[in-house]
Amino acid sequence: MFLHILTGCNLSCSHCYINTEQHGTNMLEKQQMEDWIRLFADTKKRTNIIFLGGEPTMHPDLVHGLNVARQCGYDITVDTNGYLFHDFLERVSVDMLDYLSFSLDGPDPEINDPIRGEGVFETCTGNLKKAVARGFNTSLIYTVSSRNIDHLHRMVPLLDSLGVKTFFIQVIGLRGRSAQAGDDDKTAVQVDPQRWLEVVPDVAARVSELGIEVVYPKVFLDGDEQFECAGNVAENFFVFPNGRVYQCPLCEDYPVHSFEIIDNRLVKRLGLTEENLFSLDIAEGCVMNKLLQPETISYDNQGVPHHRISCCLVKNRI
């Protein structure tokens, strides 16, 4: 369960996927947050809940939400940009959440801050070090684009010095602010498939040698690998404060969500929704990628894709 408890944020990252036209601008009320957390709780299943925003620590009742989630038996992660509002570290204990996950998009201010904002690198790394010192399990998310892929290898010594437990490498998608950019900007920010394959697995292996777990999207399927859509084989719910519930994050810029929360009930929507697309079988792999990001796919002279695109929720884990 990816629970967006608000869409507001103190930063304006160039690749932010929040789309207020589709996701709303409201913040969940305290009781509403509690009700929605309990709505998805299932004692028969092990469930991860990730508190997201915007910036979730801007919500004054986040700590209450963490307590409710723990009572319900969730594994709990908070994804933060590192600013940790409302004295977050002073108000939580290490047993209240399983992971505190920070976001950086560069190994130094010169690379990170043009993407995420002036002063972000210093603030994020400073608070991450405080969290590690207090005993929290921490992870770090790095969103790879053409602007920072050449610096991904420089994250290895930084990660070693920070003391994080897990490193998440993500690929930039055409969602939210990236999707609203001009065509030239969209193409320019994306990573060439060959460059991704040359850089990311190698850096992931080097980080793992430090004893740090590494998670990164499969992205490109090998020739004999079967395509599987997470919408068919897993349960993922991306919940927004306006009540929309998606199963596929690539669909979030469009009103094709599978469910809505109405009167604290999860209601399945009728008509054309993302679910109608999950069962389609195409040579390119992911249907939503083909529809929304066709420029990521190249073909040989017979019209066969050079690479099939994996479901974005399928990860490699080292």
Protein backbone atom coordinates (compact mmCIF):
# COMPACT_ATOMS: atom_id res chain seq x y z
CA MET A 1 0.00 0.00 0.00
CA PHE A 2 1.54 3.27 -1.19
CA LEU A 3 -0.37 5.84 0.87
CA HIS A 4 -0.05 9.45 -0.27
CA ILE A 5 -1.23 11.31 2.81
CA LEU A 6 -0.87 14.68 1.07
CA THR A 7 0.39 16.02 -2.24
CA GLY A 8 2.07 19.17 -0.91
CA CYS A 9 5.85 19.43 -0.72
CA ASN A 10 8.47 22.03 0.19
CA LEU A 11 10.53 21.06 -2.90
CA SER A 12 9.83 21.22 -6.62
CA CYS A 13 11.91 18.38 -8.08
CA SER A 14 12.17 18.40 -11.85
CA HIS A 15 10.93 14.80 -12.09
CA CYS A 16 8.17 14.92 -9.45
CA TYR A 17 5.37 12.52 -10.45
CA ILE A 18 2.62 14.21 -8.43
CA ASN A 19 -0.08 15.59 -10.72
CA THR A 20 -2.40 17.74 -8.64
CA GLU A 21 -5.00 17.85 -11.41
CA GLN A 22 -5.37 14.08 -11.03
CA HIS A 23 -4.26 13.54 -7.42
CA GLY A 24 -5.79 16.57 -5.73
CA THR A 25 -4.26 19.13 -3.40
CA ASN A 26 -5.82 18.08 -0.11
CA MET A 27 -4.26 16.53 2.97
CA LEU A 28 -5.86 13.52 4.65
CA GLU A 29 -7.54 14.39 7.91
CA LYS A 30 -6.34 12.51 10.98
CA GLN A 31 -9.37 10.21 11.25
CA GLN A 32 -9.48 9.74 7.49
CA MET A 33 -5.86 8.57 7.49
CA GLU A 34 -6.61 6.11 10.29
CA ASP A 35 -9.70 4.77 8.52
CA TRP A 36 -7.87 4.25 5.23
CA ILE A 37 -4.97 2.47 6.91
CA ARG A 38 -7.42 0.09 8.59
CA LEU A 39 -9.33 -0.36 5.31
CA PHE A 40 -6.36 -2.08 3.66
CA ALA A 41 -5.20 -4.03 6.72
CA ASP A 42 -5.34 -7.82 6.35
CA THR A 43 -4.10 -9.96 9.21
CA LYS A 44 -3.84 -12.96 6.86
CA LYS A 45 -1.22 -11.28 4.67
CA ARG A 46 2.10 -9.58 5.26
CA THR A 47 1.60 -6.07 3.95
CA ASN A 48 4.00 -3.20 3.42
CA ILE A 49 2.72 0.34 3.83
CA ILE A 50 4.76 3.22 2.47
CA PHE A 51 3.83 6.71 3.66
CA LEU A 52 4.33 9.17 0.82
CA GLY A 53 3.50 12.70 -0.28
CA GLY A 54 4.40 15.16 -1.48
CA GLU A 55 6.53 15.19 1.63
CA PRO A 56 4.83 13.01 4.28
CA THR A 57 6.64 14.53 7.27
CA MET A 58 4.83 17.80 6.50
CA HIS A 59 1.65 16.10 7.73
CA PRO A 60 1.14 16.95 11.43
CA ASP A 61 -0.54 13.59 12.10
CA LEU A 62 2.00 11.29 10.41
CA VAL A 63 3.14 9.85 13.75
CA HIS A 64 -0.46 8.94 14.58
CA GLY A 65 -0.66 7.14 11.24
CA LEU A 66 2.50 5.19 12.03
CA ASN A 67 1.05 4.05 15.35
CA VAL A 68 -2.18 2.91 13.69
CA ALA A 69 -0.25 1.05 10.98
CA ARG A 70 1.86 -0.73 13.59
CA GLN A 71 -1.29 -1.76 15.48
CA CYS A 72 -2.62 -3.22 12.21
CA GLY A 73 0.53 -5.29 11.66
CA TYR A 74 1.98 -3.51 8.64
CA ASP A 75 5.65 -3.35 7.75
CA ILE A 76 6.19 0.41 7.65
CA THR A 77 8.32 2.71 5.52
CA VAL A 78 8.33 6.50 5.37
CA ASP A 79 9.68 8.04 2.15
CA THR A 80 11.09 11.51 2.79
CA ASN A 81 13.02 14.16 0.91
CA GLY A 82 15.13 14.50 4.04
CA TYR A 83 13.74 17.65 5.63
CA LEU A 84 11.92 15.76 8.42
CA PHE A 85 9.38 18.37 9.46
CA HIS A 86 7.52 18.56 12.79
CA ASP A 87 10.60 17.29 14.69
CA PHE A 88 10.00 13.89 13.16
CA LEU A 89 13.11 12.16 14.53
CA GLU A 90 12.32 13.38 18.04
CA ARG A 91 8.75 12.09 17.87
CA VAL A 92 9.36 8.56 16.59
CA SER A 93 11.27 5.60 17.93
CA VAL A 94 13.09 2.92 15.95
CA ASP A 95 10.37 0.36 16.69
CA MET A 96 7.68 2.52 15.07
CA LEU A 97 8.85 1.98 11.51
CA ASP A 98 10.90 -0.55 9.61
CA TYR A 99 12.59 1.85 7.19
CA LEU A 100 13.12 5.57 6.84
CA SER A 101 13.89 6.16 3.18
CA PHE A 102 15.62 9.28 1.87
CA SER A 103 15.93 10.58 -1.71
CA LEU A 104 19.05 11.90 -3.41
CA ASP A 105 19.72 12.24 -7.12
CA GLY A 106 23.42 12.94 -7.06
CA PRO A 107 26.59 12.19 -5.07
CA ASP A 108 27.20 15.87 -4.32
CA PRO A 109 25.35 19.21 -4.34
CA GLU A 110 26.55 20.03 -7.86
CA ILE A 111 24.59 17.10 -9.33
CA ASN A 112 21.75 16.68 -6.83
CA ASP A 113 20.66 20.24 -6.14
CA PRO A 114 19.90 21.35 -9.74
CA ILE A 115 17.44 18.44 -9.82
CA ARG A 116 15.97 18.58 -6.31
CA GLY A 117 16.62 22.13 -5.09
CA GLU A 118 19.30 24.33 -3.60
CA GLY A 119 20.62 23.11 -0.28
CA VAL A 120 18.83 19.75 -0.48
CA PHE A 121 21.97 17.60 -0.55
CA GLU A 122 23.33 19.07 2.67
CA THR A 123 20.00 18.88 4.50
CA CYS A 124 19.19 15.35 3.33
CA THR A 125 22.57 13.80 4.11
CA GLY A 126 22.74 15.60 7.45
CA ASN A 127 19.38 14.27 8.60
CA LEU A 128 20.12 10.82 7.19
CA LYS A 129 23.25 10.64 9.33
CA LYS A 130 21.20 11.68 12.38
CA ALA A 131 18.70 8.89 11.65
CA VAL A 132 21.47 6.30 11.33
CA ALA A 133 23.05 7.49 14.58
CA ARG A 134 19.71 7.01 16.36
CA GLY A 135 19.45 3.42 15.15
CA PHE A 136 16.88 3.73 12.36
CA ASN A 137 17.08 1.41 9.37
CA THR A 138 17.63 3.80 6.48
CA SER A 139 17.51 3.46 2.72
CA LEU A 140 18.33 5.81 -0.13
CA ILE A 141 16.48 6.29 -3.43
CA TYR A 142 18.30 7.53 -6.55
CA THR A 143 16.19 8.29 -9.63
CA VAL A 144 18.35 7.75 -12.71
CA SER A 145 18.01 10.11 -15.66
CA SER A 146 20.31 11.36 -18.39
CA ARG A 147 21.23 14.19 -16.00
CA ASN A 148 22.81 11.96 -13.39
CA ILE A 149 23.49 8.46 -14.73
CA ASP A 150 27.13 9.31 -15.38
CA HIS A 151 27.51 10.04 -11.67
CA LEU A 152 25.77 6.94 -10.32
CA HIS A 153 29.10 5.17 -9.75
CA ARG A 154 30.15 8.01 -7.44
CA MET A 155 27.35 7.01 -5.07
CA VAL A 156 29.34 3.93 -3.99
CA PRO A 157 31.71 5.67 -1.52
CA LEU A 158 28.94 8.02 -0.37
CA LEU A 159 26.64 5.12 0.48
CA ASP A 160 29.46 3.46 2.38
CA SER A 161 30.01 6.58 4.47
CA LEU A 162 26.31 7.19 5.15
CA GLY A 163 25.58 3.77 6.62
CA VAL A 164 22.35 3.03 4.76
CA LYS A 165 20.96 -0.51 4.72
CA THR A 166 19.33 -0.47 1.26
CA PHE A 167 19.93 1.42 -1.98
CA PHE A 168 17.03 1.80 -4.40
CA ILE A 169 17.86 2.73 -7.99
CA GLN A 170 14.86 3.96 -9.96
CA VAL A 171 14.46 4.87 -13.60
CA ILE A 172 12.87 8.20 -14.47
CA GLY A 173 9.38 7.90 -15.92
CA LEU A 174 7.25 10.26 -17.96
CA ARG A 175 4.82 11.01 -15.17
CA GLY A 176 3.75 14.20 -13.47
CA ARG A 177 6.15 17.07 -14.16
CA SER A 178 8.28 15.01 -16.56
CA ALA A 179 5.22 14.16 -18.64
CA GLN A 180 4.27 17.83 -18.86
CA ALA A 181 7.62 18.87 -20.31
CA GLY A 182 8.12 19.59 -23.99
CA ASP A 183 8.85 16.69 -26.33
CA ASP A 184 12.54 17.56 -26.59
CA ASP A 185 12.88 17.76 -22.81
CA LYS A 186 11.09 14.43 -22.35
CA THR A 187 13.43 12.65 -24.75
CA ALA A 188 16.52 14.35 -23.37
CA VAL A 189 15.93 13.31 -19.77
CA GLN A 190 15.40 9.60 -20.50
CA VAL A 191 18.23 7.12 -20.41
CA ASP A 192 19.34 5.21 -23.49
CA PRO A 193 18.73 1.45 -22.96
CA GLN A 194 22.31 0.52 -23.71
CA ARG A 195 23.61 3.10 -21.26
CA TRP A 196 21.29 1.79 -18.53
CA LEU A 197 22.47 -1.77 -19.11
CA GLU A 198 26.12 -0.70 -19.11
CA VAL A 199 25.94 1.32 -15.89
CA VAL A 200 23.20 0.23 -13.50
CA PRO A 201 23.87 -3.51 -12.97
CA ASP A 202 27.60 -2.83 -12.52
CA VAL A 203 27.05 -0.11 -9.92
CA ALA A 204 24.45 -2.25 -8.15
CA ALA A 205 26.97 -5.09 -7.87
CA ARG A 206 29.63 -2.75 -6.50
CA VAL A 207 27.27 -1.36 -3.86
CA SER A 208 26.21 -4.86 -2.83
CA GLU A 209 29.86 -5.73 -2.18
CA LEU A 210 29.73 -3.19 0.65
CA GLY A 211 27.04 -5.29 2.34
CA ILE A 212 24.27 -2.91 1.25
CA GLU A 213 21.13 -4.41 -0.26
CA VAL A 214 20.42 -3.01 -3.74
CA VAL A 215 17.01 -2.94 -5.44
CA TYR A 216 16.53 -1.71 -8.99
CA PRO A 217 13.91 -2.20 -11.71
CA LYS A 218 14.39 -4.89 -14.27
CA VAL A 219 13.37 -2.47 -17.07
CA PHE A 220 14.61 -4.58 -20.00
CA LEU A 221 13.74 -8.27 -20.25
CA ASP A 222 16.23 -10.77 -21.57
CA GLY A 223 15.21 -12.77 -24.62
CA ASP A 224 13.91 -15.82 -22.75
CA GLU A 225 12.30 -13.98 -19.83
CA GLN A 226 8.53 -14.03 -19.51
CA PHE A 227 6.70 -10.73 -19.15
CA GLU A 228 4.47 -10.51 -16.08
CA CYS A 229 2.26 -7.56 -15.17
CA ALA A 230 2.11 -6.83 -11.44
CA GLY A 231 -1.54 -5.93 -11.94
CA ASN A 232 -2.16 -9.64 -12.61
CA VAL A 233 0.26 -11.37 -10.24
CA ALA A 234 0.59 -9.06 -7.22
CA GLU A 235 -1.36 -6.65 -5.04
CA ASN A 236 -0.21 -3.04 -5.16
CA PHE A 237 -2.42 -0.12 -4.22
CA PHE A 238 -1.35 3.47 -4.91
CA VAL A 239 -3.70 5.56 -2.79
CA PHE A 240 -4.11 9.32 -3.23
CA PRO A 241 -5.80 11.79 -0.87
CA ASN A 242 -8.62 12.48 -3.35
CA GLY A 243 -9.67 8.82 -2.98
CA ARG A 244 -8.25 7.45 -6.21
CA VAL A 245 -6.62 4.03 -5.94
CA TYR A 246 -4.43 2.81 -8.77
CA GLN A 247 -2.76 -0.55 -9.32
CA CYS A 248 -0.23 0.65 -11.90
CA PRO A 249 1.89 3.76 -11.20
CA LEU A 250 2.29 4.48 -14.92
CA CYS A 251 -1.45 5.17 -15.09
CA GLU A 252 -1.49 7.84 -12.41
CA ASP A 253 -1.67 10.80 -14.81
CA TYR A 254 -5.03 9.58 -16.09
CA PRO A 255 -8.50 8.95 -14.60
CA VAL A 256 -8.31 5.20 -15.25
CA HIS A 257 -7.86 4.11 -11.62
CA SER A 258 -9.23 0.70 -10.68
CA PHE A 259 -10.80 1.72 -7.37
CA GLU A 260 -12.09 4.66 -5.38
CA ILE A 261 -12.47 5.06 -1.65
CA ILE A 262 -16.04 6.16 -1.01
CA ASP A 263 -17.38 6.44 2.55
CA ASN A 264 -14.35 4.45 3.76
CA ARG A 265 -15.14 1.58 1.40
CA LEU A 266 -12.94 0.39 -1.46
CA VAL A 267 -15.19 0.52 -4.51
CA LYS A 268 -14.27 -1.09 -7.81
CA ARG A 269 -14.87 1.23 -10.76
CA LEU A 270 -16.76 0.22 -13.88
CA GLY A 271 -16.00 1.17 -17.47
CA LEU A 272 -12.55 1.64 -18.95
CA THR A 273 -9.90 1.36 -16.23
CA GLU A 274 -6.27 0.33 -16.04
CA GLU A 275 -7.36 -3.26 -15.32
CA ASN A 276 -8.61 -3.60 -18.89
CA LEU A 277 -5.03 -3.16 -20.08
CA PHE A 278 -3.28 -5.61 -17.74
CA SER A 279 -4.31 -8.70 -19.71
CA LEU A 280 -3.10 -7.43 -23.11
CA ASP A 281 -0.16 -9.38 -24.53
CA ILE A 282 2.13 -7.40 -26.83
CA ALA A 283 5.63 -7.96 -28.18
CA GLU A 284 6.88 -4.82 -26.44
CA GLY A 285 6.05 -6.15 -22.95
CA CYS A 286 4.44 -3.47 -20.79
CA VAL A 287 1.32 -2.09 -22.47
CA MET A 288 1.31 1.14 -20.50
CA ASN A 289 4.92 1.83 -21.43
CA LYS A 290 4.05 1.31 -25.10
CA LEU A 291 1.11 3.72 -24.81
CA LEU A 292 2.78 6.43 -22.75
CA GLN A 293 6.51 6.17 -23.47
CA PRO A 294 6.82 4.63 -26.97
CA GLU A 295 10.11 6.43 -27.56
CA THR A 296 11.75 4.09 -25.01
CA ILE A 297 11.31 1.18 -27.46
CA SER A 298 13.46 0.61 -30.54
CA TYR A 299 12.93 -2.00 -33.27
CA ASP A 300 15.02 -3.97 -35.75
CA ASN A 301 14.37 -3.85 -39.50
CA GLN A 302 11.78 -6.62 -39.11
CA GLY A 303 9.76 -4.56 -36.63
CA VAL A 304 10.81 -6.70 -33.65
CA PRO A 305 11.60 -4.78 -30.44
CA HIS A 306 15.27 -4.80 -29.47
CA HIS A 307 14.16 -5.01 -25.84
CA ARG A 308 10.87 -5.89 -24.21
CA ILE A 309 10.00 -3.60 -21.34
CA SER A 310 9.43 -5.22 -17.96
CA CYS A 311 6.66 -4.23 -15.56
CA CYS A 312 8.05 -1.29 -13.58
CA LEU A 313 7.17 -3.06 -10.33
CA VAL A 314 9.42 -6.04 -11.11
CA LYS A 315 12.73 -5.53 -9.33
CA ASN A 316 16.18 -7.03 -9.22
CA ARG A 317 17.41 -7.47 -5.65
CA ILE A 318 21.03 -8.09 -4.68
